[in-house]
Protein backbone atom coordinates (compact mmCIF):
# COMPACT_ATOMS: atom_id res chain seq x y z
CA MET A 1 177.69 -188.14 141.64
CA VAL A 2 179.43 -187.74 144.99
CA ALA A 3 182.84 -188.49 143.50
CA ASP A 4 182.33 -185.70 140.96
CA LEU A 5 181.02 -183.19 143.47
CA ASN A 6 183.28 -183.74 146.42
CA ALA A 7 186.37 -185.91 146.39
CA ALA A 8 186.54 -185.63 150.18
CA PHE A 9 183.99 -188.42 150.41
CA LEU A 10 186.30 -190.90 148.67
CA PRO A 11 188.12 -193.28 151.03
CA ILE A 12 191.57 -192.06 149.98
CA SER A 13 190.75 -188.37 150.39
CA CYS A 14 188.63 -188.22 153.55
CA PRO A 15 190.52 -189.16 156.72
CA LEU A 16 187.43 -189.03 158.93
CA LEU A 17 183.76 -189.46 158.02
CA VAL A 18 180.64 -189.43 160.21
CA VAL A 19 177.86 -191.79 159.10
CA LYS A 20 174.39 -191.43 160.60
CA ILE A 21 171.84 -194.24 160.38
CA GLY A 22 168.18 -193.56 161.05
CA SER A 23 165.74 -195.76 162.97
CA SER A 24 163.73 -196.66 159.87
CA LEU A 25 166.86 -198.16 158.31
CA LEU A 26 167.91 -200.18 161.34
CA VAL A 27 164.52 -201.41 162.49
CA GLN A 28 161.60 -202.75 160.49
CA PRO A 29 158.04 -201.53 161.23
CA ASP A 30 157.46 -204.64 163.37
CA GLY A 31 160.44 -203.71 165.56
CA LYS A 32 162.81 -206.35 164.22
CA LEU A 33 166.37 -205.50 163.23
CA ARG A 34 167.32 -205.31 159.54
CA GLN A 35 170.23 -207.63 160.24
CA GLU A 36 171.29 -208.49 156.69
CA TRP A 37 171.27 -204.87 155.55
CA LEU A 38 173.25 -203.81 158.60
CA GLN A 39 175.88 -206.42 157.83
CA THR A 40 176.40 -204.88 154.38
CA LEU A 41 176.84 -201.44 155.93
CA VAL A 42 179.41 -202.75 158.41
CA ALA A 43 181.21 -204.46 155.54
CA ASP A 44 181.44 -201.05 153.84
CA ILE A 45 182.78 -199.49 157.04
CA SER A 46 185.36 -202.25 157.41
CA ALA A 47 186.57 -201.82 153.82
CA ARG A 48 187.01 -198.09 154.34
CA HIS A 49 188.76 -198.63 157.65
CA LYS A 50 191.25 -200.98 155.99
CA ALA A 51 191.85 -198.32 153.33
CA GLY A 52 192.89 -195.87 156.04
CA GLN A 53 189.67 -193.93 156.54
CA ARG A 54 188.25 -193.56 160.04
CA ILE A 55 184.50 -193.75 160.61
CA ILE A 56 182.29 -192.44 163.42
CA ILE A 57 178.83 -193.99 163.56
CA VAL A 58 175.86 -192.01 164.83
CA THR A 59 173.08 -194.52 165.30
CA SER A 60 169.40 -194.32 166.08
CA GLY A 61 167.24 -197.31 166.95
CA ALA A 62 167.41 -197.70 170.73
CA ILE A 63 163.83 -196.57 171.37
CA ALA A 64 162.42 -198.68 168.52
CA LEU A 65 164.26 -201.80 169.68
CA GLY A 66 163.37 -201.24 173.33
CA ALA A 67 159.71 -200.61 172.56
CA ARG A 68 159.45 -204.01 170.91
CA ARG A 69 161.08 -205.71 173.91
CA LEU A 70 158.74 -203.95 176.35
CA GLY A 71 155.62 -204.16 174.16
CA LEU A 72 155.09 -200.40 174.20
CA GLU A 73 152.65 -198.80 171.77
CA LYS A 74 153.51 -196.16 169.15
CA GLY A 75 157.06 -197.42 168.89
CA GLY A 76 157.80 -196.28 172.43
CA ARG A 77 157.00 -192.64 171.66
CA ALA A 78 153.59 -192.33 173.30
CA SER A 79 155.15 -190.36 176.17
CA LEU A 80 158.54 -189.17 177.41
CA ALA A 81 158.45 -191.85 180.12
CA ASP A 82 157.84 -194.56 177.51
CA ALA A 83 160.65 -193.24 175.31
CA GLN A 84 163.11 -193.16 178.21
CA ALA A 85 162.16 -196.67 179.33
CA ALA A 86 162.39 -198.01 175.78
CA ALA A 87 165.76 -196.33 175.30
CA SER A 88 167.10 -197.87 178.51
CA VAL A 89 166.29 -201.36 177.29
CA GLY A 90 167.01 -200.77 173.63
CA GLN A 91 170.41 -199.12 174.09
CA ILE A 92 171.86 -202.30 175.58
CA VAL A 93 170.55 -204.27 172.62
CA LEU A 94 171.74 -201.68 170.11
CA SER A 95 175.26 -201.40 171.51
CA GLY A 96 175.55 -205.18 171.56
CA ILE A 97 174.52 -205.38 167.91
CA TRP A 98 177.14 -202.86 166.83
CA ALA A 99 179.83 -204.44 169.01
CA ASP A 100 179.18 -207.91 167.56
CA LEU A 101 179.03 -206.78 163.94
CA LEU A 102 182.18 -204.67 164.20
CA GLU A 103 183.99 -207.40 166.12
CA ALA A 104 183.22 -209.80 163.25
CA GLN A 105 185.21 -207.39 161.08
CA SER A 106 188.03 -207.20 163.69
CA LEU A 107 187.00 -203.69 164.70
CA ALA A 108 186.52 -202.46 168.26
CA ALA A 109 183.30 -200.55 168.99
CA ALA A 110 183.32 -197.68 171.50
CA GLN A 111 179.96 -196.48 172.82
CA ILE A 112 179.38 -192.80 173.64
CA LEU A 113 176.00 -191.49 174.81
CA VAL A 114 175.48 -187.73 174.84
CA THR A 115 172.83 -185.12 175.53
CA LEU A 116 172.45 -181.70 173.97
CA ASP A 117 174.16 -180.08 176.97
CA ASP A 118 177.28 -182.17 176.40
CA LEU A 119 177.90 -180.48 173.06
CA GLU A 120 176.50 -177.05 173.95
CA ASP A 121 178.75 -176.61 176.98
CA ARG A 122 182.18 -175.56 175.70
CA ARG A 123 184.22 -177.54 178.25
CA ARG A 124 182.27 -180.77 177.77
CA TYR A 125 182.38 -180.26 174.01
CA LEU A 126 186.17 -180.14 174.14
CA ASN A 127 186.26 -183.21 176.40
CA ILE A 128 184.19 -185.16 173.86
CA ALA A 129 186.50 -183.98 171.09
CA ALA A 130 189.52 -185.24 173.03
CA THR A 131 187.88 -188.61 173.71
CA LEU A 132 186.97 -189.08 170.06
CA ASP A 133 190.50 -188.20 169.00
CA ARG A 134 191.98 -190.81 171.35
CA LEU A 135 189.53 -193.52 170.30
CA LEU A 136 190.10 -192.92 166.61
CA GLY A 137 193.85 -192.85 167.15
CA ALA A 138 193.60 -196.24 168.84
CA GLY A 139 191.70 -197.68 165.87
CA ALA A 140 188.29 -197.95 167.53
CA VAL A 141 184.98 -197.13 165.85
CA PRO A 142 182.97 -194.70 168.03
CA VAL A 143 179.26 -195.53 168.05
CA ILE A 144 177.30 -192.51 169.26
CA ASN A 145 173.67 -192.03 170.20
CA GLU A 146 171.67 -189.49 172.14
CA ASN A 147 171.24 -190.51 175.77
CA ASP A 148 167.47 -190.81 175.46
CA SER A 149 167.08 -192.61 178.78
CA VAL A 150 167.89 -189.42 180.72
CA ALA A 151 167.38 -186.58 178.20
CA THR A 152 164.37 -184.35 178.81
CA GLU A 153 162.86 -181.95 176.31
CA GLU A 154 165.17 -179.18 177.54
CA ILE A 155 168.37 -181.15 176.88
CA ARG A 156 167.42 -183.14 173.79
CA PHE A 157 168.77 -182.85 170.27
CA GLY A 158 165.44 -184.37 169.23
CA ASP A 159 167.00 -186.15 166.26
CA ASN A 160 170.33 -187.68 165.37
CA ASP A 161 170.79 -185.66 162.18
CA ARG A 162 171.81 -182.56 164.10
CA LEU A 163 173.73 -184.72 166.57
CA ALA A 164 175.77 -186.14 163.66
CA ALA A 165 176.68 -182.66 162.45
CA ARG A 166 177.77 -181.55 165.92
CA VAL A 167 179.80 -184.74 166.41
CA ALA A 168 181.52 -184.16 163.07
CA GLN A 169 182.37 -180.66 164.18
CA ALA A 170 183.79 -181.85 167.52
CA ALA A 171 185.81 -184.63 165.89
CA GLY A 172 187.20 -182.49 163.07
CA ALA A 173 185.60 -184.64 160.37
CA MET A 174 185.57 -183.51 156.76
CA GLY A 175 182.27 -185.10 155.81
CA VAL A 176 178.92 -186.37 157.05
CA VAL A 177 176.65 -188.90 155.36
CA LEU A 178 173.05 -189.01 156.56
CA LEU A 179 171.62 -192.36 155.49
CA SER A 180 167.85 -192.04 155.28
CA ASP A 181 164.78 -193.56 153.66
CA VAL A 182 164.85 -190.95 150.87
CA ASP A 183 167.37 -190.28 148.09
CA GLY A 184 167.99 -186.70 149.19
CA LEU A 185 166.38 -183.27 148.97
CA PHE A 186 163.70 -182.83 146.31
CA ASP A 187 162.32 -179.58 144.93
CA ARG A 188 158.92 -180.57 146.29
CA ALA A 189 157.42 -183.50 148.22
CA PRO A 190 158.96 -186.63 146.59
CA HIS A 191 155.56 -188.24 145.96
CA LEU A 192 154.28 -185.31 143.90
CA PRO A 193 154.37 -185.52 140.08
CA GLY A 194 157.48 -183.98 138.58
CA ALA A 195 159.45 -183.98 141.85
CA MET A 196 163.16 -183.65 141.08
CA LEU A 197 166.14 -184.55 143.25
CA LEU A 198 168.57 -181.70 143.90
CA PRO A 199 172.04 -183.21 143.54
CA HIS A 200 173.92 -180.14 144.81
CA VAL A 201 173.07 -177.31 147.21
CA ASP A 202 175.51 -174.43 147.54
CA LYS A 203 173.59 -172.43 150.13
CA ILE A 204 170.77 -173.19 152.55
CA ASP A 205 168.50 -170.18 152.16
CA GLY A 206 164.78 -169.45 152.32
CA ARG A 207 164.22 -170.90 148.86
CA VAL A 208 165.68 -174.23 149.94
CA ARG A 209 163.73 -174.23 153.19
CA VAL A 210 160.47 -173.80 151.29
CA MET A 211 161.20 -176.99 149.37
CA VAL A 212 161.41 -179.08 152.51
CA ALA A 213 158.87 -181.86 152.88
CA GLU A 214 158.88 -184.42 155.65
CA GLY A 215 160.31 -187.36 153.76
CA SER A 216 160.10 -190.09 156.41
CA SER A 217 156.81 -191.85 156.92
CA SER A 218 158.11 -194.79 158.95
CA GLY A 219 156.79 -193.45 162.25
CA MET A 220 159.86 -194.72 164.13
CA GLY A 221 162.26 -191.83 163.76
CA SER A 222 162.13 -188.34 165.21
CA GLY A 223 163.73 -186.50 162.30
CA GLY A 224 162.65 -185.51 158.83
CA MET A 225 163.99 -183.39 156.00
CA ALA A 226 163.76 -180.24 158.14
CA SER A 227 166.16 -181.71 160.70
CA LYS A 228 168.48 -182.79 157.89
CA LEU A 229 168.61 -179.23 156.61
CA ASP A 230 169.42 -178.06 160.13
CA ALA A 231 172.22 -180.63 160.22
CA ALA A 232 173.50 -179.48 156.84
CA ASP A 233 173.49 -175.88 158.06
CA ILE A 234 175.53 -176.79 161.16
CA ALA A 235 177.99 -178.89 159.16
CA THR A 236 178.54 -176.55 156.26
CA ARG A 237 179.05 -173.55 158.57
CA ALA A 238 181.95 -175.49 160.06
CA GLY A 239 183.45 -176.22 156.63
CA ILE A 240 182.13 -179.79 156.55
CA GLY A 241 180.46 -181.28 153.48
CA LEU A 242 177.22 -183.20 154.07
CA VAL A 243 175.35 -185.74 151.96
CA ILE A 244 171.80 -187.02 152.32
CA ALA A 245 171.47 -190.42 150.66
CA SER A 246 169.21 -193.43 150.70
CA GLY A 247 170.15 -196.31 152.94
CA LEU A 248 167.47 -198.60 151.55
CA ARG A 249 169.96 -200.32 149.23
CA ASP A 250 172.57 -202.83 150.37
CA HIS A 251 176.15 -201.59 150.80
CA PRO A 252 174.91 -198.00 150.96
CA LEU A 253 178.33 -196.35 151.29
CA SER A 254 179.72 -198.24 148.31
CA ALA A 255 176.59 -197.41 146.32
CA LEU A 256 176.99 -193.74 147.19
CA GLU A 257 180.62 -193.67 146.16
CA GLN A 258 179.75 -195.34 142.85
CA GLY A 259 177.28 -192.61 141.91
CA GLY A 260 174.11 -193.40 143.84
CA ALA A 261 171.43 -190.73 144.04
CA ALA A 262 172.04 -188.18 146.80
CA THR A 263 172.08 -184.48 147.68
CA PHE A 264 175.42 -182.88 148.49
CA PHE A 265 175.60 -179.71 150.61
CA ALA A 266 178.80 -177.80 149.87
CA PRO A 267 180.89 -176.64 152.84
CA ARG A 268 181.39 -172.95 153.43
CA ALA A 269 184.76 -171.33 153.88
CA GLY A 270 186.01 -172.57 157.23
CA ALA A 271 185.58 -170.40 160.31
CA SER A 272 187.62 -170.72 163.48
CA ALA A 273 186.84 -173.68 165.71
CA ARG A 274 185.28 -171.44 168.35
CA LYS A 275 183.11 -169.59 165.84
CA SER A 276 182.02 -172.88 164.28
CA TRP A 277 180.97 -174.09 167.71
CA LEU A 278 179.01 -170.87 168.25
CA GLY A 279 177.27 -171.07 164.87
CA GLY A 280 176.30 -174.68 165.38
CA ARG A 281 174.76 -174.27 168.83
CA LEU A 282 171.10 -175.18 169.15
CA THR A 283 170.41 -173.34 172.41
CA VAL A 284 170.94 -169.72 173.44
CA LYS A 285 170.29 -167.87 176.70
CA GLY A 286 168.85 -164.65 175.32
CA ARG A 287 168.66 -162.13 172.51
CA ILE A 288 169.57 -158.54 171.70
CA ARG A 289 167.60 -156.72 169.01
CA ILE A 290 169.55 -154.13 167.04
CA ASP A 291 168.87 -151.31 164.59
CA ASP A 292 169.65 -151.27 160.86
CA GLY A 293 172.91 -149.40 161.35
CA ALA A 294 174.19 -152.04 163.74
CA VAL A 295 173.14 -154.79 161.34
CA GLN A 296 175.30 -153.27 158.62
CA ALA A 297 178.17 -152.78 161.05
CA LEU A 298 178.12 -156.45 162.04
CA LYS A 299 178.06 -157.54 158.41
CA SER A 300 181.11 -155.34 157.85
CA GLY A 301 183.02 -157.13 160.60
CA SER A 302 182.47 -154.79 163.54
CA SER A 303 181.64 -155.60 167.15
CA LEU A 304 178.18 -154.91 168.56
CA LEU A 305 178.18 -151.55 170.32
CA PRO A 306 175.53 -150.57 172.91
CA ALA A 307 174.45 -147.60 170.76
CA GLY A 308 173.03 -149.95 168.13
CA ALA A 309 171.02 -152.10 170.55
CA LEU A 310 167.24 -151.68 170.81
CA SER A 311 166.19 -154.21 173.46
CA VAL A 312 167.30 -157.21 175.48
CA GLU A 313 165.39 -160.46 175.99
CA GLY A 314 166.05 -163.42 178.27
CA GLU A 315 168.15 -163.99 181.39
CA PHE A 316 171.83 -164.38 180.63
CA LYS A 317 175.20 -163.72 182.22
CA ARG A 318 178.45 -162.45 180.83
CA GLY A 319 179.95 -165.19 178.64
CA ASP A 320 176.60 -166.79 177.78
CA VAL A 321 175.66 -167.42 174.16
CA ILE A 322 173.02 -165.03 172.82
CA ASP A 323 171.40 -164.35 169.47
CA ILE A 324 171.50 -160.94 167.81
CA SER A 325 168.53 -160.07 165.62
CA ALA A 326 167.37 -157.24 163.42
CA ASP A 327 164.36 -155.12 164.38
CA ASP A 328 162.12 -157.50 162.37
CA ASP A 329 163.34 -160.41 164.55
CA THR A 330 165.49 -161.94 161.77
CA ALA A 331 168.48 -163.64 163.40
CA ILE A 332 171.66 -161.92 162.22
CA ALA A 333 174.44 -163.27 164.45
CA ARG A 334 175.29 -165.28 167.54
CA GLY A 335 177.96 -164.54 170.10
CA LEU A 336 179.19 -164.43 173.69
CA SER A 337 177.76 -161.54 175.67
CA GLU A 338 180.17 -159.15 177.40
CA TYR A 339 177.42 -158.18 179.89
CA ASP A 340 174.70 -159.85 181.89
CA ALA A 341 171.13 -159.20 180.75
CA VAL A 342 170.37 -156.55 183.38
CA ASP A 343 173.36 -154.35 182.56
CA ALA A 344 172.96 -154.95 178.82
CA ALA A 345 169.40 -153.60 179.04
CA ARG A 346 170.57 -150.54 181.00
CA ILE A 347 173.05 -149.46 178.32
CA CYS A 348 170.95 -150.23 175.22
CA GLY A 349 171.02 -147.28 172.84
CA HIS A 350 173.73 -145.39 174.73
CA ARG A 351 177.07 -144.22 173.42
CA SER A 352 180.30 -145.62 174.84
CA SER A 353 181.07 -142.30 176.53
CA GLU A 354 177.88 -142.60 178.60
CA LEU A 355 178.43 -146.12 179.94
CA ALA A 356 180.57 -145.31 182.97
CA ALA A 357 177.95 -142.88 184.32
CA ILE A 358 175.17 -145.44 183.83
CA LEU A 359 176.97 -148.45 185.30
CA GLY A 360 179.15 -146.69 187.86
CA THR A 361 182.22 -148.66 186.79
CA VAL A 362 184.76 -148.63 183.98
CA PRO A 363 182.79 -150.64 181.42
CA ARG A 364 183.62 -152.88 178.49
CA SER A 365 183.08 -150.91 175.31
CA VAL A 366 181.08 -153.55 173.38
CA LEU A 367 178.09 -155.79 174.02
CA VAL A 368 179.51 -158.59 171.87
CA HIS A 369 183.08 -158.51 170.56
CA ARG A 370 183.62 -159.40 166.91
CA ASP A 371 186.10 -162.13 167.90
CA GLN A 372 183.32 -163.83 169.89
CA LEU A 373 180.63 -163.42 167.23
CA VAL A 374 179.57 -165.36 164.15
CA LEU A 375 177.15 -164.20 161.47
CA LEU A 376 174.21 -166.51 160.76
């Protein structure tokens, strides 16, 4: 199926692939590692590496492994303090597991722990991209996880699906495979009679969102099908294909390549690197609501002018990322503000010729320039 839909996922055609493994695949309900299954996955990774493909691993499992070591209830997720403690213990175990398994295949593991801020801040994002490029060039296998031992709710991805998509974007990967405990996206909850797997999704719209059902019932992970759709949205906006596939079978990457059940999300036409970064961001500092005329202007490729703005929300500075929404609160675009929130609010609804009198200075003519804006 995957070979027919997207040749980029074949070892010969895809120079760089991000593979995400969920907690329920790595760790059994009793907290023990699925060692034999993991060995088959690493064997797949080794075979692809020898064929010339480079792999980045995004791995969950630290909290689940640490919770078992510490004897914490609810898999270490009873509280933020429990999760951070479990992650601190489990991350050492998890990194050791990956290092040993990759070393057995003569591959060097490189651990990178990140928080949401690391990929939302443009400078740190570029630093991570540079580090990944150097590691991959040296033949190492980056093993990435969220830094759960220090991440608070404000700086958390919350799941590794979206993290995998952002890492793929930073690394310049062509594809992402999310290995899960379900075969892919179904047109209704998979357990319902008549549920059908969707093998191909061209566009993530409201119809697709309605189909989403939380597919994981393991209780160990933090994601679900909703987070996987978010990841697919981030990836495809950046021109990256994404596959959701089951990791319950041995040699899951080989099984996928040979036609295993999965859902493939087609990449969109590629945007610039900066606009892809903007579109994939998960946090914004504020919002500007605009009228119908401004909505149409943005869709036609124009900048956002003050005359089309209705109101300003949030506290942001010039250069911060903000959302732009229609009057009904539907998000239309995202971009870098040319004004801080106070001045943006002062010039809402005013023509460009009026701005100098309002602000007392020679102003910038737009609220958000089209070169710093991406449609959602």
